[in-house]
């Protein structure tokens, strides 16, 4: 189950985490706002999680667009949704994994039901059968998860790391401290 959860979260992060090392063009969040957020979080939690904190805030800022809210709203979002404590982040991770597993499982079930008449010999094939078989129920999932800020909460607390950073952390893979001590 844990491997499946890790896989689902990894797939989710890949889906929502383009290879970014600096802010994407189009993000309305200025660098000064990002720095202010990092400073406020550091004041609140200390600098023991500074690297993960910085990665998370910068990653979320790179994904934020004007229609997601203002820089002030982004600041409030980060201050309200950043999870510093490793045990709380673990609980968050497990819940996100459960929700994504439920979404994917139900979408698969719906997709199978919609394609049944096209895939199996159930009688004459009508044009409506082909229309429903071609319908993808999860097509708006990604935009919906950004719209309701779930994707941003995940990006903030589980930021994208480039391959070079992942290689640096590889030696600590089985140890918990790289996830940030409490």
C-alpha atoms as a PDB file:
ATOM      1  CA  UNK A   1       0.000   0.000   0.000  1.00  0.00           C
ATOM      2  CA  UNK A   2       2.824   2.402   0.869  1.00  0.00           C
ATOM      3  CA  UNK A   3       4.534   1.756  -2.482  1.00  0.00           C
ATOM      4  CA  UNK A   4       1.247   2.389  -4.280  1.00  0.00           C
ATOM      5  CA  UNK A   5       0.734   5.617  -2.329  1.00  0.00           C
ATOM      6  CA  UNK A   6       4.258   6.762  -3.146  1.00  0.00           C
ATOM      7  CA  UNK A   7       3.671   5.926  -6.798  1.00  0.00           C
ATOM      8  CA  UNK A   8       0.387   7.852  -6.888  1.00  0.00           C
ATOM      9  CA  UNK A   9       1.922  10.895  -5.232  1.00  0.00           C
ATOM     10  CA  UNK A  10       4.926  10.720  -7.560  1.00  0.00           C
ATOM     11  CA  UNK A  11       2.599  10.608 -10.574  1.00  0.00           C
ATOM     12  CA  UNK A  12       0.606  13.520  -9.173  1.00  0.00           C
ATOM     13  CA  UNK A  13       3.746  15.562  -8.603  1.00  0.00           C
ATOM     14  CA  UNK A  14       4.976  14.820 -12.114  1.00  0.00           C
ATOM     15  CA  UNK A  15       1.614  15.862 -13.507  1.00  0.00           C
ATOM     16  CA  UNK A  16       1.679  19.171 -11.620  1.00  0.00           C
ATOM     17  CA  UNK A  17       5.419  19.811 -11.513  1.00  0.00           C
ATOM     18  CA  UNK A  18       7.026  20.842 -14.743  1.00  0.00           C
ATOM     19  CA  UNK A  19      10.813  20.876 -14.608  1.00  0.00           C
ATOM     20  CA  UNK A  20      11.220  24.307 -13.094  1.00  0.00           C
ATOM     21  CA  UNK A  21      14.221  25.727 -11.334  1.00  0.00           C
ATOM     22  CA  UNK A  22      13.115  29.323 -11.431  1.00  0.00           C
ATOM     23  CA  UNK A  23       9.776  31.074 -11.580  1.00  0.00           C
ATOM     24  CA  UNK A  24       7.800  30.457 -14.741  1.00  0.00           C
ATOM     25  CA  UNK A  25       7.018  33.347 -16.987  1.00  0.00           C
ATOM     26  CA  UNK A  26       3.475  34.387 -16.303  1.00  0.00           C
ATOM     27  CA  UNK A  27       3.565  34.055 -12.532  1.00  0.00           C
ATOM     28  CA  UNK A  28       2.294  37.257 -10.946  1.00  0.00           C
ATOM     29  CA  UNK A  29       4.202  36.596  -7.715  1.00  0.00           C
ATOM     30  CA  UNK A  30       7.229  38.898  -7.471  1.00  0.00           C
ATOM     31  CA  UNK A  31      10.509  37.650  -6.012  1.00  0.00           C
ATOM     32  CA  UNK A  32      10.151  40.147  -3.163  1.00  0.00           C
ATOM     33  CA  UNK A  33       6.879  38.509  -2.114  1.00  0.00           C
ATOM     34  CA  UNK A  34       8.469  35.057  -2.252  1.00  0.00           C
ATOM     35  CA  UNK A  35      11.358  36.301  -0.102  1.00  0.00           C
ATOM     36  CA  UNK A  36       8.944  37.908   2.388  1.00  0.00           C
ATOM     37  CA  UNK A  37       6.997  34.651   2.701  1.00  0.00           C
ATOM     38  CA  UNK A  38      10.181  32.654   3.266  1.00  0.00           C
ATOM     39  CA  UNK A  39      11.287  35.174   5.897  1.00  0.00           C
ATOM     40  CA  UNK A  40       7.930  34.996   7.712  1.00  0.00           C
ATOM     41  CA  UNK A  41       7.944  31.193   7.645  1.00  0.00           C
ATOM     42  CA  UNK A  42      11.538  31.166   8.915  1.00  0.00           C
ATOM     43  CA  UNK A  43      10.574  33.481  11.764  1.00  0.00           C
ATOM     44  CA  UNK A  44       7.671  31.185  12.635  1.00  0.00           C
ATOM     45  CA  UNK A  45       9.434  27.814  12.308  1.00  0.00           C
ATOM     46  CA  UNK A  46      13.157  28.548  12.439  1.00  0.00           C
ATOM     47  CA  UNK A  47      15.663  27.824   9.732  1.00  0.00           C
ATOM     48  CA  UNK A  48      15.975  24.051  10.216  1.00  0.00           C
ATOM     49  CA  UNK A  49      13.614  23.565   7.253  1.00  0.00           C
ATOM     50  CA  UNK A  50      14.837  26.554   5.237  1.00  0.00           C
ATOM     51  CA  UNK A  51      15.842  24.646   2.105  1.00  0.00           C
ATOM     52  CA  UNK A  52      12.547  22.742   1.798  1.00  0.00           C
ATOM     53  CA  UNK A  53      10.624  25.887   2.734  1.00  0.00           C
ATOM     54  CA  UNK A  54      12.341  27.894   0.009  1.00  0.00           C
ATOM     55  CA  UNK A  55      11.826  25.159  -2.600  1.00  0.00           C
ATOM     56  CA  UNK A  56       8.152  24.852  -1.670  1.00  0.00           C
ATOM     57  CA  UNK A  57       7.344  28.554  -1.773  1.00  0.00           C
ATOM     58  CA  UNK A  58       9.232  29.076  -5.040  1.00  0.00           C
ATOM     59  CA  UNK A  59       7.598  26.045  -6.618  1.00  0.00           C
ATOM     60  CA  UNK A  60       4.086  27.126  -5.613  1.00  0.00           C
ATOM     61  CA  UNK A  61       4.826  30.684  -6.822  1.00  0.00           C
ATOM     62  CA  UNK A  62       5.983  29.361 -10.199  1.00  0.00           C
ATOM     63  CA  UNK A  63       2.639  27.600 -10.671  1.00  0.00           C
ATOM     64  CA  UNK A  64       0.446  30.467  -9.403  1.00  0.00           C
ATOM     65  CA  UNK A  65      -1.300  32.540 -12.072  1.00  0.00           C
ATOM     66  CA  UNK A  66      -3.188  35.838 -11.941  1.00  0.00           C
ATOM     67  CA  UNK A  67      -6.554  34.053 -11.930  1.00  0.00           C
ATOM     68  CA  UNK A  68      -5.445  32.074  -8.825  1.00  0.00           C
ATOM     69  CA  UNK A  69      -5.325  35.256  -6.770  1.00  0.00           C
ATOM     70  CA  UNK A  70      -3.200  38.241  -5.877  1.00  0.00           C
ATOM     71  CA  UNK A  71       0.269  38.232  -4.354  1.00  0.00           C
ATOM     72  CA  UNK A  72      -1.383  39.030  -1.015  1.00  0.00           C
ATOM     73  CA  UNK A  73      -3.660  35.998  -1.365  1.00  0.00           C
ATOM     74  CA  UNK A  74      -0.647  33.867  -2.274  1.00  0.00           C
ATOM     75  CA  UNK A  75       1.136  35.071   0.858  1.00  0.00           C
ATOM     76  CA  UNK A  76      -1.860  34.167   3.028  1.00  0.00           C
ATOM     77  CA  UNK A  77      -2.154  30.801   1.305  1.00  0.00           C
ATOM     78  CA  UNK A  78       1.490  29.925   1.966  1.00  0.00           C
ATOM     79  CA  UNK A  79       1.428  31.088   5.579  1.00  0.00           C
ATOM     80  CA  UNK A  80      -1.782  29.133   6.237  1.00  0.00           C
ATOM     81  CA  UNK A  81      -0.866  25.946   4.355  1.00  0.00           C
ATOM     82  CA  UNK A  82       2.846  25.377   4.865  1.00  0.00           C
ATOM     83  CA  UNK A  83       3.415  22.239   6.937  1.00  0.00           C
ATOM     84  CA  UNK A  84       6.655  22.341   8.868  1.00  0.00           C
ATOM     85  CA  UNK A  85       6.365  19.319  11.144  1.00  0.00           C
ATOM     86  CA  UNK A  86       7.381  16.009   9.538  1.00  0.00           C
ATOM     87  CA  UNK A  87       4.606  14.016  11.226  1.00  0.00           C
ATOM     88  CA  UNK A  88       1.968  16.481  10.015  1.00  0.00           C
ATOM     89  CA  UNK A  89       3.428  16.376   6.496  1.00  0.00           C
ATOM     90  CA  UNK A  90       3.334  12.562   6.621  1.00  0.00           C
ATOM     91  CA  UNK A  91      -0.358  12.674   7.594  1.00  0.00           C
ATOM     92  CA  UNK A  92      -1.010  15.154   4.759  1.00  0.00           C
ATOM     93  CA  UNK A  93       0.842  12.854   2.329  1.00  0.00           C
ATOM     94  CA  UNK A  94      -1.222   9.821   3.382  1.00  0.00           C
ATOM     95  CA  UNK A  95      -4.522  11.667   3.026  1.00  0.00           C
ATOM     96  CA  UNK A  96      -3.610  13.057  -0.410  1.00  0.00           C
ATOM     97  CA  UNK A  97      -2.595   9.545  -1.488  1.00  0.00           C
ATOM     98  CA  UNK A  98      -5.941   8.138  -0.315  1.00  0.00           C
ATOM     99  CA  UNK A  99      -7.906  10.848  -2.094  1.00  0.00           C
ATOM    100  CA  UNK A 100      -5.972  10.432  -5.343  1.00  0.00           C
ATOM    101  CA  UNK A 101      -6.364   6.671  -5.188  1.00  0.00           C
ATOM    102  CA  UNK A 102     -10.127   7.116  -4.744  1.00  0.00           C
ATOM    103  CA  UNK A 103     -10.333   9.605  -7.621  1.00  0.00           C
ATOM    104  CA  UNK A 104      -8.315   7.424  -9.979  1.00  0.00           C
ATOM    105  CA  UNK A 105     -10.208   4.272  -9.022  1.00  0.00           C
ATOM    106  CA  UNK A 106     -13.604   5.857  -9.547  1.00  0.00           C
ATOM    107  CA  UNK A 107     -12.538   7.482 -12.810  1.00  0.00           C
ATOM    108  CA  UNK A 108     -11.355   4.068 -14.035  1.00  0.00           C
ATOM    109  CA  UNK A 109     -14.664   2.510 -13.021  1.00  0.00           C
ATOM    110  CA  UNK A 110     -16.650   5.222 -14.798  1.00  0.00           C
ATOM    111  CA  UNK A 111     -14.440   4.960 -17.904  1.00  0.00           C
ATOM    112  CA  UNK A 112     -15.013   1.188 -18.056  1.00  0.00           C
ATOM    113  CA  UNK A 113     -18.767   1.698 -17.755  1.00  0.00           C
ATOM    114  CA  UNK A 114     -18.773   4.358 -20.498  1.00  0.00           C
ATOM    115  CA  UNK A 115     -16.780   2.139 -22.866  1.00  0.00           C
ATOM    116  CA  UNK A 116     -18.651  -1.096 -22.137  1.00  0.00           C
ATOM    117  CA  UNK A 117     -20.895  -0.998 -25.207  1.00  0.00           C
ATOM    118  CA  UNK A 118     -17.952  -0.244 -27.511  1.00  0.00           C
ATOM    119  CA  UNK A 119     -15.609  -2.819 -26.014  1.00  0.00           C
ATOM    120  CA  UNK A 120     -18.080  -5.685 -25.534  1.00  0.00           C
ATOM    121  CA  UNK A 121     -20.726  -7.182 -27.804  1.00  0.00           C
ATOM    122  CA  UNK A 122     -23.789  -5.821 -25.991  1.00  0.00           C
ATOM    123  CA  UNK A 123     -25.984  -5.214 -29.020  1.00  0.00           C
ATOM    124  CA  UNK A 124     -26.081  -2.776 -31.906  1.00  0.00           C
ATOM    125  CA  UNK A 125     -23.456  -0.030 -31.653  1.00  0.00           C
ATOM    126  CA  UNK A 126     -25.114   3.381 -31.737  1.00  0.00           C
ATOM    127  CA  UNK A 127     -23.431   6.759 -32.337  1.00  0.00           C
ATOM    128  CA  UNK A 128     -24.129   7.709 -28.714  1.00  0.00           C
ATOM    129  CA  UNK A 129     -22.110   4.681 -27.580  1.00  0.00           C
ATOM    130  CA  UNK A 130     -19.053   6.014 -29.407  1.00  0.00           C
ATOM    131  CA  UNK A 131     -19.612   9.492 -27.990  1.00  0.00           C
ATOM    132  CA  UNK A 132     -19.722   8.257 -24.407  1.00  0.00           C
ATOM    133  CA  UNK A 133     -16.782   5.898 -24.994  1.00  0.00           C
ATOM    134  CA  UNK A 134     -14.720   8.892 -26.117  1.00  0.00           C
ATOM    135  CA  UNK A 135     -15.634  10.981 -23.093  1.00  0.00           C
ATOM    136  CA  UNK A 136     -12.930  11.384 -20.444  1.00  0.00           C
ATOM    137  CA  UNK A 137     -14.425  12.026 -17.016  1.00  0.00           C
ATOM    138  CA  UNK A 138     -11.128  13.130 -15.464  1.00  0.00           C
ATOM    139  CA  UNK A 139     -10.167  15.615 -18.147  1.00  0.00           C
ATOM    140  CA  UNK A 140     -10.750  18.641 -15.899  1.00  0.00           C
ATOM    141  CA  UNK A 141      -9.220  17.138 -12.762  1.00  0.00           C
ATOM    142  CA  UNK A 142      -5.932  19.002 -13.056  1.00  0.00           C
ATOM    143  CA  UNK A 143      -7.552  22.420 -13.562  1.00  0.00           C
ATOM    144  CA  UNK A 144     -10.054  21.688 -10.795  1.00  0.00           C
ATOM    145  CA  UNK A 145      -7.270  20.810  -8.349  1.00  0.00           C
ATOM    146  CA  UNK A 146      -5.563  24.111  -9.114  1.00  0.00           C
ATOM    147  CA  UNK A 147      -8.840  26.036  -8.915  1.00  0.00           C
ATOM    148  CA  UNK A 148      -9.592  24.762  -5.413  1.00  0.00           C
ATOM    149  CA  UNK A 149      -5.904  25.180  -4.385  1.00  0.00           C
ATOM    150  CA  UNK A 150      -5.252  21.481  -3.610  1.00  0.00           C
ATOM    151  CA  UNK A 151      -2.445  21.363  -6.187  1.00  0.00           C
ATOM    152  CA  UNK A 152      -0.832  24.442  -4.644  1.00  0.00           C
ATOM    153  CA  UNK A 153      -0.927  22.931  -1.146  1.00  0.00           C
ATOM    154  CA  UNK A 154       0.832  19.846  -2.492  1.00  0.00           C
ATOM    155  CA  UNK A 155       3.398  21.901  -4.428  1.00  0.00           C
ATOM    156  CA  UNK A 156       4.091  24.043  -1.359  1.00  0.00           C
ATOM    157  CA  UNK A 157       4.716  21.085   0.942  1.00  0.00           C
ATOM    158  CA  UNK A 158       6.176  18.606  -1.559  1.00  0.00           C
ATOM    159  CA  UNK A 159       8.085  20.813  -3.997  1.00  0.00           C
ATOM    160  CA  UNK A 160       9.671  19.750  -7.232  1.00  0.00           C
ATOM    161  CA  UNK A 161      13.408  19.083  -7.043  1.00  0.00           C
ATOM    162  CA  UNK A 162      15.602  18.972 -10.147  1.00  0.00           C
ATOM    163  CA  UNK A 163      17.523  15.778 -10.883  1.00  0.00           C
ATOM    164  CA  UNK A 164      20.802  17.167  -9.503  1.00  0.00           C
ATOM    165  CA  UNK A 165      19.148  17.751  -6.113  1.00  0.00           C
ATOM    166  CA  UNK A 166      17.560  14.309  -6.168  1.00  0.00           C
ATOM    167  CA  UNK A 167      20.971  12.765  -6.810  1.00  0.00           C
ATOM    168  CA  UNK A 168      22.374  14.755  -3.884  1.00  0.00           C
ATOM    169  CA  UNK A 169      19.614  13.404  -1.608  1.00  0.00           C
ATOM    170  CA  UNK A 170      19.922   9.826  -2.919  1.00  0.00           C
ATOM    171  CA  UNK A 171      22.439   8.861  -0.256  1.00  0.00           C
ATOM    172  CA  UNK A 172      19.900   9.837   2.406  1.00  0.00           C
ATOM    173  CA  UNK A 173      16.918   8.098   0.760  1.00  0.00           C
ATOM    174  CA  UNK A 174      16.318   5.657   3.614  1.00  0.00           C
ATOM    175  CA  UNK A 175      16.821   8.281   6.293  1.00  0.00           C
ATOM    176  CA  UNK A 176      14.101  10.636   7.444  1.00  0.00           C
ATOM    177  CA  UNK A 177      16.185  13.743   8.190  1.00  0.00           C
ATOM    178  CA  UNK A 178      16.240  14.921   4.582  1.00  0.00           C
ATOM    179  CA  UNK A 179      12.470  15.271   4.862  1.00  0.00           C
ATOM    180  CA  UNK A 180      13.177  17.766   7.639  1.00  0.00           C
ATOM    181  CA  UNK A 181      13.348  17.012  11.324  1.00  0.00           C
ATOM    182  CA  UNK A 182      10.564  18.152  13.650  1.00  0.00           C
END
